[in-house]
């Protein structure tokens, strides 16, 4: 971990963490969230869990784009998620 990664981590960024570290820290947060009796603390932990989820989704999307560079979204005649069986 370089100096910029240490600085970014100190400021709250999740990018310097490896996937395994990210998953481990998220699980620890989830355990604290589940066992929390204080509504204010649970709300803060929920927000933090969502930050981890956003970072994990961002990384998964990057991997998918790297593995499938020519992928395009399928557009149906009646909309993105609607069936064509009218």
N, C-alpha and C. Protein backbone atom coordinates (compact mmCIF):
# COMPACT_ATOMS: atom_id res chain seq x y z
N UNK A 1 0.85 -1.16 0.00
CA UNK A 1 0.00 0.00 0.00
C UNK A 1 0.90 1.23 0.00
N UNK A 2 0.72 2.07 -1.00
CA UNK A 2 1.53 3.27 -1.13
C UNK A 2 1.02 4.40 -0.27
N UNK A 3 1.74 5.50 -0.32
CA UNK A 3 1.38 6.66 0.51
C UNK A 3 0.03 7.23 0.10
N UNK A 4 -0.27 7.24 -1.21
CA UNK A 4 -1.55 7.78 -1.65
C UNK A 4 -2.71 6.87 -1.25
N UNK A 5 -2.48 5.56 -1.28
CA UNK A 5 -3.50 4.62 -0.82
C UNK A 5 -3.75 4.80 0.68
N UNK A 6 -2.70 5.00 1.44
CA UNK A 6 -2.85 5.23 2.88
C UNK A 6 -3.62 6.51 3.15
N UNK A 7 -3.30 7.55 2.40
CA UNK A 7 -3.98 8.83 2.55
C UNK A 7 -5.46 8.69 2.15
N UNK A 8 -5.73 8.02 1.04
CA UNK A 8 -7.11 7.83 0.59
C UNK A 8 -7.89 7.01 1.61
N UNK A 9 -7.27 5.99 2.16
CA UNK A 9 -7.94 5.15 3.16
C UNK A 9 -8.21 5.96 4.42
N UNK A 10 -7.29 6.81 4.80
CA UNK A 10 -7.48 7.66 5.97
C UNK A 10 -8.62 8.64 5.79
N UNK A 11 -8.87 9.03 4.55
CA UNK A 11 -9.97 9.96 4.26
C UNK A 11 -11.29 9.23 4.02
N UNK A 12 -11.30 7.91 4.12
CA UNK A 12 -12.54 7.15 4.02
C UNK A 12 -12.79 6.49 2.69
N UNK A 13 -11.85 6.52 1.78
CA UNK A 13 -12.04 5.89 0.48
C UNK A 13 -11.92 4.37 0.61
N UNK A 14 -12.72 3.66 -0.16
CA UNK A 14 -12.68 2.20 -0.15
C UNK A 14 -11.86 1.63 -1.30
N UNK A 15 -11.43 2.47 -2.22
CA UNK A 15 -10.71 2.00 -3.41
C UNK A 15 -9.39 1.29 -3.11
N UNK A 16 -8.62 1.70 -2.10
CA UNK A 16 -7.35 0.99 -1.87
C UNK A 16 -7.50 -0.43 -1.34
N UNK A 17 -8.68 -0.80 -0.86
CA UNK A 17 -8.87 -2.13 -0.29
C UNK A 17 -8.94 -3.19 -1.39
N UNK A 18 -8.41 -4.35 -1.08
CA UNK A 18 -8.56 -5.48 -2.00
C UNK A 18 -9.99 -6.01 -1.88
N UNK A 19 -10.38 -6.86 -2.78
CA UNK A 19 -11.73 -7.41 -2.76
C UNK A 19 -11.97 -8.19 -1.47
N UNK A 20 -10.99 -8.99 -1.06
CA UNK A 20 -11.13 -9.78 0.17
C UNK A 20 -11.25 -8.87 1.39
N UNK A 21 -10.42 -7.82 1.46
CA UNK A 21 -10.51 -6.88 2.58
C UNK A 21 -11.86 -6.18 2.59
N UNK A 22 -12.33 -5.80 1.42
CA UNK A 22 -13.62 -5.13 1.31
C UNK A 22 -14.75 -6.04 1.82
N UNK A 23 -14.73 -7.30 1.40
CA UNK A 23 -15.75 -8.24 1.85
C UNK A 23 -15.67 -8.49 3.35
N UNK A 24 -14.45 -8.62 3.89
CA UNK A 24 -14.28 -8.85 5.32
C UNK A 24 -14.79 -7.67 6.15
N UNK A 25 -14.44 -6.46 5.74
CA UNK A 25 -14.89 -5.28 6.47
C UNK A 25 -16.39 -5.11 6.36
N UNK A 26 -16.96 -5.41 5.19
CA UNK A 26 -18.40 -5.30 5.03
C UNK A 26 -19.12 -6.29 5.93
N UNK A 27 -18.60 -7.50 6.03
CA UNK A 27 -19.22 -8.50 6.88
C UNK A 27 -19.16 -8.08 8.35
N UNK A 28 -18.03 -7.50 8.77
CA UNK A 28 -17.92 -7.01 10.15
C UNK A 28 -18.95 -5.90 10.40
N UNK A 29 -19.12 -5.00 9.44
CA UNK A 29 -20.12 -3.94 9.56
C UNK A 29 -21.53 -4.53 9.62
N UNK A 30 -21.78 -5.53 8.79
CA UNK A 30 -23.10 -6.15 8.78
C UNK A 30 -23.42 -6.80 10.12
N UNK A 31 -22.42 -7.44 10.72
CA UNK A 31 -22.62 -8.05 12.03
C UNK A 31 -22.94 -6.99 13.09
N UNK A 32 -22.22 -5.87 13.04
CA UNK A 32 -22.50 -4.77 13.98
C UNK A 32 -23.89 -4.21 13.75
N UNK A 33 -24.30 -4.09 12.49
CA UNK A 33 -25.62 -3.57 12.14
C UNK A 33 -26.73 -4.48 12.68
N UNK A 34 -26.57 -5.77 12.48
CA UNK A 34 -27.58 -6.73 12.92
C UNK A 34 -27.72 -6.74 14.44
N UNK A 35 -26.62 -6.58 15.15
CA UNK A 35 -26.67 -6.65 16.60
C UNK A 35 -26.92 -5.30 17.27
N UNK A 36 -27.07 -4.24 16.50
CA UNK A 36 -27.25 -2.90 17.06
C UNK A 36 -28.67 -2.73 17.60
N UNK A 37 -28.75 -2.14 18.80
CA UNK A 37 -30.04 -1.83 19.40
C UNK A 37 -30.37 -0.34 19.27
N UNK A 38 -29.37 0.47 18.97
CA UNK A 38 -29.53 1.90 18.86
C UNK A 38 -29.93 2.25 17.42
N UNK A 39 -31.05 2.96 17.25
CA UNK A 39 -31.55 3.29 15.92
C UNK A 39 -30.59 4.22 15.19
N UNK A 40 -30.02 5.19 15.87
CA UNK A 40 -29.08 6.12 15.25
C UNK A 40 -27.84 5.42 14.74
N UNK A 41 -27.30 4.54 15.56
CA UNK A 41 -26.11 3.78 15.15
C UNK A 41 -26.45 2.85 13.98
N UNK A 42 -27.62 2.20 14.04
CA UNK A 42 -28.03 1.31 12.96
C UNK A 42 -28.17 2.07 11.65
N UNK A 43 -28.68 3.30 11.73
CA UNK A 43 -28.83 4.12 10.52
C UNK A 43 -27.46 4.45 9.92
N UNK A 44 -26.50 4.80 10.77
CA UNK A 44 -25.15 5.10 10.28
C UNK A 44 -24.50 3.86 9.68
N UNK A 45 -24.69 2.72 10.33
CA UNK A 45 -24.12 1.48 9.81
C UNK A 45 -24.77 1.09 8.49
N UNK A 46 -26.07 1.32 8.36
CA UNK A 46 -26.75 1.03 7.11
C UNK A 46 -26.19 1.89 5.98
N UNK A 47 -25.95 3.16 6.25
CA UNK A 47 -25.36 4.04 5.25
C UNK A 47 -23.96 3.56 4.85
N UNK A 48 -23.20 3.11 5.83
CA UNK A 48 -21.85 2.60 5.55
C UNK A 48 -21.92 1.31 4.73
N UNK A 49 -22.88 0.44 5.05
CA UNK A 49 -23.05 -0.79 4.28
C UNK A 49 -23.38 -0.47 2.83
N UNK A 50 -24.21 0.54 2.63
CA UNK A 50 -24.56 0.95 1.25
C UNK A 50 -23.33 1.47 0.51
N UNK A 51 -22.42 2.18 1.20
CA UNK A 51 -21.17 2.63 0.57
C UNK A 51 -20.35 1.44 0.09
N UNK A 52 -20.27 0.41 0.94
CA UNK A 52 -19.53 -0.79 0.56
C UNK A 52 -20.19 -1.48 -0.62
N UNK A 53 -21.53 -1.53 -0.62
CA UNK A 53 -22.25 -2.16 -1.73
C UNK A 53 -22.00 -1.42 -3.04
N UNK A 54 -21.99 -0.09 -2.99
CA UNK A 54 -21.74 0.70 -4.19
C UNK A 54 -20.34 0.42 -4.73
N UNK A 55 -19.36 0.35 -3.84
CA UNK A 55 -17.98 0.07 -4.28
C UNK A 55 -17.86 -1.33 -4.86
N UNK A 56 -18.51 -2.31 -4.23
CA UNK A 56 -18.44 -3.67 -4.74
C UNK A 56 -19.14 -3.79 -6.10
N UNK A 57 -20.24 -3.08 -6.27
CA UNK A 57 -20.94 -3.08 -7.55
C UNK A 57 -20.10 -2.40 -8.63
N UNK A 58 -19.44 -1.30 -8.27
CA UNK A 58 -18.58 -0.59 -9.22
C UNK A 58 -17.47 -1.52 -9.71
N UNK A 59 -16.86 -2.24 -8.79
CA UNK A 59 -15.79 -3.16 -9.16
C UNK A 59 -16.30 -4.30 -10.03
N UNK A 60 -17.47 -4.84 -9.70
CA UNK A 60 -18.04 -5.92 -10.50
C UNK A 60 -18.35 -5.43 -11.92
N UNK A 61 -18.86 -4.22 -12.03
CA UNK A 61 -19.16 -3.66 -13.36
C UNK A 61 -17.88 -3.44 -14.17
N UNK A 62 -16.81 -3.00 -13.50
CA UNK A 62 -15.53 -2.82 -14.20
C UNK A 62 -15.02 -4.16 -14.74
N UNK A 63 -15.11 -5.19 -13.93
CA UNK A 63 -14.66 -6.52 -14.36
C UNK A 63 -15.50 -7.00 -15.54
N UNK A 64 -16.81 -6.80 -15.47
CA UNK A 64 -17.68 -7.23 -16.57
C UNK A 64 -17.34 -6.48 -17.85
N UNK A 65 -17.14 -5.18 -17.75
CA UNK A 65 -16.80 -4.39 -18.94
C UNK A 65 -15.46 -4.82 -19.52
N UNK A 66 -14.52 -5.16 -18.65
CA UNK A 66 -13.21 -5.60 -19.12
C UNK A 66 -13.31 -6.96 -19.81
N UNK A 67 -14.15 -7.85 -19.27
CA UNK A 67 -14.31 -9.19 -19.84
C UNK A 67 -15.20 -9.20 -21.08
N UNK A 68 -16.11 -8.24 -21.19
CA UNK A 68 -17.06 -8.19 -22.30
C UNK A 68 -17.06 -6.80 -22.92
N UNK A 69 -16.02 -6.44 -23.66
CA UNK A 69 -15.90 -5.07 -24.17
C UNK A 69 -16.96 -4.70 -25.21
N UNK A 70 -17.52 -5.68 -25.92
CA UNK A 70 -18.49 -5.38 -26.97
C UNK A 70 -19.93 -5.58 -26.52
N UNK A 71 -20.17 -5.74 -25.24
CA UNK A 71 -21.52 -5.99 -24.73
C UNK A 71 -22.38 -4.73 -24.86
N UNK A 72 -23.62 -4.94 -25.26
CA UNK A 72 -24.58 -3.83 -25.33
C UNK A 72 -25.85 -4.27 -24.62
N UNK A 73 -26.60 -3.29 -24.12
CA UNK A 73 -27.86 -3.59 -23.47
C UNK A 73 -28.90 -3.97 -24.52
N UNK A 74 -29.72 -4.93 -24.19
CA UNK A 74 -30.78 -5.35 -25.11
C UNK A 74 -31.98 -4.44 -24.94
N UNK A 75 -32.46 -3.91 -26.04
CA UNK A 75 -33.64 -3.06 -26.02
C UNK A 75 -34.78 -3.79 -26.72
N UNK A 76 -35.85 -3.99 -26.01
CA UNK A 76 -37.01 -4.69 -26.57
C UNK A 76 -37.92 -3.69 -27.28
N UNK A 77 -38.79 -4.18 -28.10
CA UNK A 77 -39.69 -3.34 -28.86
C UNK A 77 -40.60 -2.50 -27.95
N UNK A 78 -41.05 -3.09 -26.84
CA UNK A 78 -41.99 -2.41 -25.96
C UNK A 78 -41.33 -1.82 -24.71
N UNK A 79 -40.05 -1.76 -24.67
CA UNK A 79 -39.36 -1.20 -23.51
C UNK A 79 -38.24 -2.11 -23.05
N UNK A 80 -37.47 -1.63 -22.11
CA UNK A 80 -36.29 -2.36 -21.66
C UNK A 80 -36.63 -3.66 -20.96
N UNK A 81 -37.63 -3.65 -20.09
CA UNK A 81 -37.88 -4.83 -19.26
C UNK A 81 -39.25 -5.43 -19.51
N UNK A 82 -39.93 -5.02 -20.57
CA UNK A 82 -41.27 -5.53 -20.84
C UNK A 82 -41.21 -6.66 -21.86
N UNK A 83 -42.07 -7.66 -21.72
CA UNK A 83 -42.07 -8.76 -22.69
C UNK A 83 -42.67 -8.33 -24.02
N UNK A 84 -42.37 -9.06 -25.08
CA UNK A 84 -42.88 -8.77 -26.41
C UNK A 84 -44.15 -9.55 -26.74
N UNK A 85 -44.80 -10.14 -25.77
CA UNK A 85 -45.95 -11.00 -26.05
C UNK A 85 -47.28 -10.28 -25.86
N UNK A 86 -47.51 -9.26 -26.65
CA UNK A 86 -48.77 -8.51 -26.57
C UNK A 86 -49.86 -9.20 -27.33
